């Protein structure tokens, strides 16, 4: 039997390459002799640029200085495909949730300025196109920090310049993006991420990820008022209704900033990467698909697991860090679900992920024996 091990990253724990590697070790230790192919995936979050670098031979890595969501100086990078002059940027490398310690997770105190600095460094390479992957981020400023780093200025009703902070979304009355327009002239932007997340309503990032982002009731109130005000200004400025455009709520509103100021095209992150790595070819050759992600929840249908099920009629075995929705049965083709830990043991699961994944590989091998 030909097995394709093609997992998504386990957020805040391991990238998809490590997940695939440890599952394969478990298979080998169990003396399972099926033919195994490893194909790590990403849906636009952590590890996206690594997936790109692994499949595009003419990609060059450029290191540069940046900032974490909390403003800590750090080293980051972007990729350049030299033949096409296309640059790939992973927002999680500077805005990722893994960069914010759990005891410091106050969403309104974080900033996307690091992403702005990263884009600024990339623009110095004079690219024809910049692809920005959005996912696994811990910012909620609708891109204010990013835009401020790219020389966009925001003003209140009195004409005073505002700091690019989430709490000031409600105070913005006018803005000046003159310098940004010159910086990005003749550069095409593509954004790859979750294009089903909106700014308001049940499908908004506030409703979908309030627990993951540790949003308190006061934070939610401030954000809703601020988002409505900011969107009202942008709707008028760009003659669009961003409240009705999917993807604007992606990564705490970074999608909104990209779709408006960059006039970016929004594509599904998983489908974009799947096409680059020629996933279809690997699915066709496999008899059984083993995939997984950190948590199985109500959003999983719109993530890698759901997309894989829609791309193939092959049987799927799912390995997840924890199963937050015990009644989950919406994904077709899934024949078996293996869980590493219960929801109340997540900390243990993160610390012992390597061992648990190797054991899971062995359990799957026994199941297939």
Protein backbone atom coordinates (compact mmCIF):
# COMPACT_ATOMS: atom_id res chain seq x y z
CA UNK A 1 0.00 0.00 0.00
CA UNK A 2 1.27 3.48 -0.90
CA UNK A 3 0.83 5.92 1.99
CA UNK A 4 1.00 9.70 1.69
CA UNK A 5 1.77 11.44 5.00
CA UNK A 6 0.81 15.05 4.39
CA UNK A 7 0.04 16.96 7.62
CA UNK A 8 -0.48 20.62 8.41
CA UNK A 9 1.66 22.25 11.15
CA UNK A 10 0.62 21.72 14.75
CA UNK A 11 0.25 25.35 15.85
CA UNK A 12 2.62 26.52 18.62
CA UNK A 13 4.27 23.12 18.57
CA UNK A 14 5.82 21.65 15.40
CA UNK A 15 5.97 22.56 11.75
CA UNK A 16 4.51 20.12 9.24
CA UNK A 17 7.92 18.70 8.28
CA UNK A 18 8.55 17.62 11.87
CA UNK A 19 5.03 16.17 12.23
CA UNK A 20 5.47 14.08 9.07
CA UNK A 21 8.97 12.99 10.13
CA UNK A 22 7.91 11.72 13.57
CA UNK A 23 4.86 9.89 12.22
CA UNK A 24 7.12 8.13 9.71
CA UNK A 25 9.53 7.12 12.49
CA UNK A 26 6.62 5.52 14.32
CA UNK A 27 5.75 3.53 11.20
CA UNK A 28 9.31 2.28 10.78
CA UNK A 29 9.65 1.32 14.45
CA UNK A 30 6.47 -0.73 14.07
CA UNK A 31 8.17 -2.49 11.13
CA UNK A 32 5.45 -1.39 8.76
CA UNK A 33 6.58 -2.02 5.22
CA UNK A 34 4.13 0.13 3.29
CA UNK A 35 5.68 2.56 0.85
CA UNK A 36 5.64 5.98 2.55
CA UNK A 37 5.87 9.40 0.92
CA UNK A 38 6.22 12.53 3.07
CA UNK A 39 4.66 15.76 1.80
CA UNK A 40 4.36 18.42 4.55
CA UNK A 41 1.65 21.03 3.95
CA UNK A 42 0.70 24.53 5.05
CA UNK A 43 -2.43 26.62 4.58
CA UNK A 44 -0.78 30.03 4.69
CA UNK A 45 0.30 29.93 8.32
CA UNK A 46 3.53 28.85 9.96
CA UNK A 47 5.91 27.04 7.61
CA UNK A 48 4.45 28.34 4.34
CA UNK A 49 7.75 29.74 3.09
CA UNK A 50 9.51 26.50 3.96
CA UNK A 51 7.06 24.64 1.74
CA UNK A 52 7.70 27.13 -1.08
CA UNK A 53 11.48 26.84 -0.71
CA UNK A 54 11.28 23.05 -0.86
CA UNK A 55 9.53 22.99 -4.24
CA UNK A 56 10.89 26.04 -6.10
CA UNK A 57 14.52 25.47 -7.05
CA UNK A 58 15.39 29.09 -7.90
CA UNK A 59 14.28 30.59 -4.57
CA UNK A 60 16.78 32.67 -2.65
CA UNK A 61 16.45 33.48 1.05
CA UNK A 62 17.05 37.04 2.23
CA UNK A 63 17.51 37.74 5.94
CA UNK A 64 16.45 41.06 7.43
CA UNK A 65 15.69 42.76 10.73
CA UNK A 66 12.14 42.86 12.04
CA UNK A 67 9.91 43.11 15.09
CA UNK A 68 7.73 40.60 16.94
CA UNK A 69 4.06 41.43 17.74
CA UNK A 70 5.31 42.84 21.05
CA UNK A 71 7.94 45.05 19.40
CA UNK A 72 10.94 42.86 20.22
CA UNK A 73 13.77 43.09 17.68
CA UNK A 74 14.33 39.86 15.79
CA UNK A 75 15.78 38.42 12.61
CA UNK A 76 13.39 37.25 9.91
CA UNK A 77 13.45 36.52 6.18
CA UNK A 78 11.63 36.49 2.87
CA UNK A 79 12.06 34.40 -0.28
CA UNK A 80 12.68 35.63 -3.79
CA UNK A 81 12.04 33.55 -6.90
CA UNK A 82 14.76 35.03 -9.06
CA UNK A 83 13.38 34.08 -12.48
CA UNK A 84 9.96 35.69 -11.95
CA UNK A 85 11.03 38.44 -9.49
CA UNK A 86 8.31 37.18 -7.16
CA UNK A 87 8.77 37.54 -3.40
CA UNK A 88 7.14 35.36 -0.74
CA UNK A 89 6.51 36.69 2.76
CA UNK A 90 5.19 34.70 5.73
CA UNK A 91 3.35 37.02 8.12
CA UNK A 92 3.60 34.46 10.94
CA UNK A 93 7.39 34.95 10.93
CA UNK A 94 6.87 38.37 12.54
CA UNK A 95 3.23 38.35 13.70
CA UNK A 96 2.89 34.70 14.74
CA UNK A 97 1.19 33.54 17.90
CA UNK A 98 4.29 31.46 18.71
CA UNK A 99 6.21 34.74 19.20
CA UNK A 100 3.95 35.87 22.06
CA UNK A 101 4.36 34.12 25.44
CA UNK A 102 1.07 32.95 26.93
CA UNK A 103 1.43 35.23 29.94
CA UNK A 104 1.72 38.26 27.63
CA UNK A 105 -1.20 37.57 25.31
CA UNK A 106 -3.12 40.80 25.29
CA UNK A 107 -4.33 41.19 21.69
CA UNK A 108 -4.82 44.96 21.75
CA UNK A 109 -1.20 45.42 22.85
CA UNK A 110 0.25 43.67 19.78
CA UNK A 111 1.23 45.22 16.46
CA UNK A 112 1.68 44.19 12.82
CA UNK A 113 4.54 46.70 12.39
CA UNK A 114 7.00 43.85 11.89
CA UNK A 115 5.18 42.79 8.75
CA UNK A 116 5.42 46.34 7.42
CA UNK A 117 9.18 46.34 7.97
CA UNK A 118 9.44 42.98 6.20
CA UNK A 119 7.49 44.27 3.19
CA UNK A 120 9.66 47.40 3.13
CA UNK A 121 12.80 45.25 2.97
CA UNK A 122 11.27 43.15 0.19
CA UNK A 123 10.37 46.25 -1.86
CA UNK A 124 14.05 47.17 -2.00
CA UNK A 125 14.53 44.12 -4.23
CA UNK A 126 12.20 45.78 -6.78
CA UNK A 127 9.90 42.77 -7.20
CA UNK A 128 7.17 42.37 -9.78
CA UNK A 129 4.92 40.58 -7.30
CA UNK A 130 4.76 40.07 -3.53
CA UNK A 131 2.87 37.11 -2.11
CA UNK A 132 1.94 37.48 1.57
CA UNK A 133 0.86 34.39 3.50
CA UNK A 134 -1.61 35.15 6.28
CA UNK A 135 -2.20 32.69 9.11
CA UNK A 136 -1.30 31.70 12.69
CA UNK A 137 -0.96 35.37 13.66
CA UNK A 138 -1.58 37.14 16.96
CA UNK A 139 -2.47 40.68 15.93
CA UNK A 140 -5.83 42.45 15.84
CA UNK A 141 -4.92 45.92 14.58
CA UNK A 142 -6.41 45.60 11.07
CA UNK A 143 -2.92 46.20 9.70
CA UNK A 144 -2.41 49.65 11.28
CA UNK A 145 1.09 48.76 12.45
CA UNK A 146 2.02 47.36 9.06
CA UNK A 147 0.68 50.43 7.26
CA UNK A 148 2.40 52.82 9.67
CA UNK A 149 5.75 51.08 8.96
CA UNK A 150 5.03 51.70 5.27
CA UNK A 151 4.60 55.45 5.89
CA UNK A 152 0.79 55.63 6.09
CA UNK A 153 -0.29 58.30 8.57
CA UNK A 154 -3.54 58.30 10.57
CA UNK A 155 -5.25 61.38 12.06
CA UNK A 156 -8.08 62.05 14.50
CA UNK A 157 -10.87 64.64 14.22
CA UNK A 158 -8.55 67.40 15.45
CA UNK A 159 -5.90 66.58 12.84
CA UNK A 160 -3.48 65.07 15.35
CA UNK A 161 -1.48 62.07 14.20
CA UNK A 162 -2.49 58.83 15.90
CA UNK A 163 -0.30 55.98 17.07
CA UNK A 164 -0.90 52.85 14.99
CA UNK A 165 -2.62 50.88 17.75
CA UNK A 166 -5.79 48.79 17.83
CA UNK A 167 -7.40 51.08 20.38
CA UNK A 168 -7.11 53.98 17.91
CA UNK A 169 -9.13 52.32 15.15
CA UNK A 170 -12.22 54.10 16.49
CA UNK A 171 -10.48 57.50 16.51
CA UNK A 172 -9.31 57.59 12.88
CA UNK A 173 -11.00 60.24 10.75
CA UNK A 174 -8.51 60.79 7.92
CA UNK A 175 -5.32 59.22 6.61
CA UNK A 176 -2.43 59.94 4.24
CA UNK A 177 -1.15 57.06 2.07
CA UNK A 178 0.77 59.17 -0.46
CA UNK A 179 4.18 57.67 0.32
CA UNK A 180 2.81 54.12 0.27
CA UNK A 181 1.39 54.63 -3.21
CA UNK A 182 4.86 55.54 -4.46
CA UNK A 183 6.51 52.63 -2.64
CA UNK A 184 4.28 49.96 -4.16
CA UNK A 185 3.84 51.44 -7.62
CA UNK A 186 3.88 48.74 -10.32
CA UNK A 187 4.05 45.94 -7.71
CA UNK A 188 1.35 43.26 -7.80
CA UNK A 189 0.20 41.87 -4.44
CA UNK A 190 -1.33 38.48 -3.74
CA UNK A 191 -2.56 37.44 -0.30
CA UNK A 192 -2.85 33.74 0.53
CA UNK A 193 -4.81 32.70 3.59
CA UNK A 194 -8.30 32.00 4.91
CA UNK A 195 -10.67 33.71 2.48
CA UNK A 196 -13.78 32.75 4.46
CA UNK A 197 -13.10 35.07 7.41
CA UNK A 198 -14.99 38.37 7.49
CA UNK A 199 -14.71 41.51 9.61
CA UNK A 200 -18.11 41.29 11.28
CA UNK A 201 -20.81 38.72 11.97
CA UNK A 202 -20.57 35.03 12.88
CA UNK A 203 -17.78 34.46 10.34
CA UNK A 204 -15.62 37.27 11.71
CA UNK A 205 -12.21 36.67 13.27
CA UNK A 206 -13.63 38.02 16.54
CA UNK A 207 -16.27 35.26 16.71
CA UNK A 208 -14.12 32.50 15.23
CA UNK A 209 -10.94 33.01 17.20
CA UNK A 210 -11.84 35.00 20.33
CA UNK A 211 -10.67 32.14 22.56
CA UNK A 212 -7.46 31.50 20.64
CA UNK A 213 -6.58 35.19 20.73
CA UNK A 214 -7.68 35.57 24.38
CA UNK A 215 -10.08 38.38 23.49
CA UNK A 216 -11.94 39.65 26.53
CA UNK A 217 -15.42 41.21 26.37
CA UNK A 218 -13.98 44.74 26.65
CA UNK A 219 -11.48 43.97 23.87
CA UNK A 220 -14.28 42.72 21.62
CA UNK A 221 -16.32 45.88 22.23
CA UNK A 222 -13.34 48.15 21.42
CA UNK A 223 -12.51 46.16 18.28
CA UNK A 224 -16.06 46.10 16.94
CA UNK A 225 -16.43 49.87 17.32
CA UNK A 226 -12.97 50.44 15.83
CA UNK A 227 -13.46 48.08 12.89
CA UNK A 228 -16.78 49.63 11.95
CA UNK A 229 -15.22 53.10 11.98
CA UNK A 230 -12.10 52.08 10.01
CA UNK A 231 -14.10 50.16 7.41
CA UNK A 232 -16.45 53.11 6.94
CA UNK A 233 -13.45 55.29 6.05
CA UNK A 234 -11.91 52.68 3.72
CA UNK A 235 -15.23 51.95 1.99
CA UNK A 236 -15.48 55.61 1.08
CA UNK A 237 -11.81 55.92 0.12
CA UNK A 238 -11.69 52.83 -2.12
CA UNK A 239 -15.34 52.73 -3.22
CA UNK A 240 -15.87 49.15 -1.97
CA UNK A 241 -17.84 47.43 0.77
CA UNK A 242 -15.15 45.53 2.66
CA UNK A 243 -17.66 44.15 5.17
CA UNK A 244 -18.95 41.84 2.44
CA UNK A 245 -15.56 40.70 1.13
CA UNK A 246 -14.26 37.36 2.40
CA UNK A 247 -10.69 37.38 3.66
CA UNK A 248 -10.80 40.93 5.07
CA UNK A 249 -10.97 39.48 8.59
CA UNK A 250 -8.04 37.16 8.04
CA UNK A 251 -5.24 37.45 10.64
CA UNK A 252 -6.91 40.06 12.78
CA UNK A 253 -7.87 42.30 9.87
CA UNK A 254 -4.55 42.17 8.01
CA UNK A 255 -6.57 40.96 5.05
CA UNK A 256 -8.49 44.26 5.06
CA UNK A 257 -5.30 46.33 4.91
CA UNK A 258 -3.89 44.24 2.06
CA UNK A 259 -7.07 44.17 -0.02
CA UNK A 260 -7.58 47.91 0.31
CA UNK A 261 -4.19 49.65 0.34
CA UNK A 262 -2.35 47.05 -1.80
CA UNK A 263 -5.34 46.23 -4.03
CA UNK A 264 -4.28 42.63 -3.45
CA UNK A 265 -5.85 39.52 -4.92
CA UNK A 266 -6.93 37.13 -2.14
CA UNK A 267 -6.48 33.40 -2.75
CA UNK A 268 -6.97 30.38 -0.51
CA UNK A 269 -3.64 29.67 1.19
CA UNK A 270 -3.86 25.89 1.05
CA UNK A 271 -4.93 25.77 -2.59
CA UNK A 272 -2.14 28.18 -3.57
CA UNK A 273 0.55 26.04 -1.91
CA UNK A 274 -1.05 22.80 -3.09
CA UNK A 275 -0.73 23.95 -6.68
CA UNK A 276 2.92 24.96 -6.25
CA UNK A 277 3.94 21.60 -4.74
CA UNK A 278 1.80 19.65 -7.24
CA UNK A 279 -0.30 18.00 -4.52
CA UNK A 280 -2.70 16.56 -7.08
CA UNK A 281 0.04 14.30 -8.47
CA UNK A 282 0.84 12.88 -5.02
CA UNK A 283 -2.85 12.32 -4.18
CA UNK A 284 -3.32 10.41 -7.41
CA UNK A 285 -0.42 8.05 -6.66
CA UNK A 286 -1.42 7.33 -3.05
CA UNK A 287 -3.71 4.53 -1.85
CA UNK A 288 -4.25 6.07 1.58
CA UNK A 289 -3.75 9.61 2.89
CA UNK A 290 -2.61 10.42 6.43
CA UNK A 291 -3.05 14.05 7.40
CA UNK A 292 -3.75 16.09 10.48
CA UNK A 293 -3.46 19.34 12.42
CA UNK A 294 -3.14 20.62 15.96
CA UNK A 295 -6.84 20.68 16.80
CA UNK A 296 -9.98 19.24 15.26
CA UNK A 297 -12.76 21.80 15.69
CA UNK A 298 -15.68 23.43 13.88
CA UNK A 299 -13.28 25.31 11.58
CA UNK A 300 -11.49 22.18 10.34
CA UNK A 301 -13.73 21.84 7.27
CA UNK A 302 -12.17 25.07 5.95
CA UNK A 303 -8.62 23.98 6.72
CA UNK A 304 -6.26 21.43 5.19
CA UNK A 305 -8.27 18.42 6.33
CA UNK A 306 -11.47 19.63 4.70
CA UNK A 307 -9.75 20.67 1.48
CA UNK A 308 -7.96 17.31 1.16
CA UNK A 309 -11.27 15.49 1.50
CA UNK A 310 -12.74 17.60 -1.28
CA UNK A 311 -9.71 17.05 -3.54
CA UNK A 312 -9.76 13.26 -3.47
CA UNK A 313 -12.03 10.27 -2.93
CA UNK A 314 -9.18 8.29 -1.32
CA UNK A 315 -9.53 7.09 2.27
CA UNK A 316 -8.09 9.46 4.89
CA UNK A 317 -6.67 8.81 8.35
CA UNK A 318 -6.58 11.85 10.55
CA UNK A 319 -4.11 12.54 13.36
CA UNK A 320 -4.85 15.54 15.61
CA UNK A 321 -3.27 17.03 18.69
CA UNK A 322 -6.63 17.21 20.40
CA UNK A 323 -10.27 16.88 19.42
CA UNK A 324 -12.19 19.93 20.60
CA UNK A 325 -15.42 18.89 18.86
CA UNK A 326 -16.25 15.34 19.93
CA UNK A 327 -19.24 15.14 17.60
CA UNK A 328 -17.28 16.17 14.55
CA UNK A 329 -18.34 14.07 11.56
CA UNK A 330 -18.52 16.51 8.67
CA UNK A 331 -15.39 15.44 6.79
CA UNK A 332 -16.04 12.73 4.24
CA UNK A 333 -13.55 9.93 3.52
CA UNK A 334 -12.12 10.06 7.06
CA UNK A 335 -12.01 6.42 8.15
CA UNK A 336 -10.24 6.84 11.47
CA UNK A 337 -9.23 9.68 13.79
CA UNK A 338 -6.23 9.33 16.10
CA UNK A 339 -5.87 11.85 18.94
CA UNK A 340 -2.66 12.64 20.83
CA UNK A 341 -4.21 14.10 24.01
CA UNK A 342 -7.51 15.21 25.50
CA UNK A 343 -8.35 18.97 25.37
CA UNK A 344 -7.41 19.41 29.06
CA UNK A 345 -3.92 17.96 28.41
CA UNK A 346 -2.82 20.33 25.64
CA UNK A 347 0.22 21.63 27.56
CA UNK A 348 1.43 18.08 28.06
CA UNK A 349 0.83 17.35 24.38
CA UNK A 350 2.91 20.33 23.25
CA UNK A 351 5.83 19.40 25.52
CA UNK A 352 5.78 15.76 24.45
CA UNK A 353 4.70 16.11 20.81
CA UNK A 354 7.67 14.23 19.37
CA UNK A 355 7.11 11.15 21.53
CA UNK A 356 3.34 11.22 21.07
CA UNK A 357 3.58 11.49 17.28
CA UNK A 358 6.02 8.58 17.07
CA UNK A 359 3.61 6.55 19.19
CA UNK A 360 0.72 7.64 16.96
CA UNK A 361 2.64 6.47 13.90
CA UNK A 362 2.94 3.07 15.54
CA UNK A 363 -0.77 3.00 16.38
CA UNK A 364 -1.69 3.81 12.79
CA UNK A 365 0.67 1.08 11.55
CA UNK A 366 -1.05 -1.44 13.82
CA UNK A 367 -4.45 -0.27 12.58
CA UNK A 368 -3.37 -0.89 8.99
CA UNK A 369 -1.73 -4.25 9.68
